[in-house]
Amino acid sequence: MDLTIQQLRVVLSVAREGSFTAAGEQMRLAQSSLSRTVAEVERRVGITLFERTTRRVLLTPAGREFADVAERVVAEFDRGINHFSGFLAGTRGLVRIATLPSLAATLLPTIVSRFRQDHPDVRIHIEDGLLGQVLDRVRTGQVDLAVTVLTGPPETLGFRQIAVDHFYCVFPQGHRFAKADDGQERGPIALEREPIAVEREPIAWAELADEAFIAFDQASSVRVFADRALREARVRLGPITEARNIAAVAGLAAAGLGVSAVPGLVLPLIEFARLDRRRLAHPALTRPIGVMFDPLRPQAPVVRHFMELLEAGPETRSPLPEGANWKTG
């Protein structure tokens, strides 16, 4: 049985109006055209759908059953077409994003919130993972894009920078790094019950020499940058303890097992440990943060809209945490 949506609409219109003439006016079709359509449907399904009288056209019992099925089919078709129209217009659909844990917690929320204002019916799916996992999800098409850092040439993937953050040395309160150039300790002070760190002069990576160090796992993007800076500064560290989780690194440092180097967008995630911090310099290391995507894979309109928002000017963005800045120009 092969019937079209238009044929089903004709049957439903005749059933609602109880008249071929009224149904023809409602659908803006000739009465003869509707009569032929109904007759063709009856031939294909092998039953009589309507009882014709001099006054009205009424559904037969079999016709009522058929009309119930036709109503569901047409309604589902219309819902699907409406959704597809929204998909084409960029107002409906799904945006799948892979990102690093620190970016999922600090950078993305403001962007997603802004996107929701204009696209309330779009679903957002965020998957966080380590750098290698994030890039693999883009390459294999498991996600539409990644918000991540660039550690080297992106090979076959495209990359558009949207922000940058700087590196900080974090250490427990009372550590020698807490002292300023005048030798006075400058630990966190209380202001309205909230501890804040007093800004001090940056410290050079070379000053980490012989310090016990809490390093991120080698699969972490943070480790890639930190190792690069330590090599450039020719620093030989003291005992090294490795951890993969951001919270674990902070906890180990807070326990006095070593200092660590973290980027600005990680700082909000380690506040629980009440670590002190100073910006690292010489080299003044920064992380380029941006959108990674496969330039050969077609993008849905809603994905393009999300990328446009990520790349938009500062007026569409909220301020970033300490040590991070949106890219301008």
Foldseek 3Di string as FASTA:
>chain_A
DDDDLVLLLLLLLLQVVQDLVVSCVVVVHDSVVSVVSQVVVCVVVVHRQWDDDPPGTHGDPVNVVVNVVSVVVNVVVVVVVVQVVCLQVLQEEEAEEEEAPLCVPFPVVQLVVLLCVRRVHYHYHYHYDAPVVRLVCQVVVVGAKYWYWDLDDPVQKDWDFWKKFWKKKWAAQPDQVQAAPVRDGQAWDDDPNDTDGDAGAAAELQVQAQWEEEAEPPSHPFNSQNVVRCVLSVGDYHHYHYDHDLQVSLQCRLVVRTMYMDIQSSVVVNVVSSIHIYTYPPPRDMIGITMIHRPVDDDGSNNVVSRCSSNDAPVSGDDGGPRMDTDHD
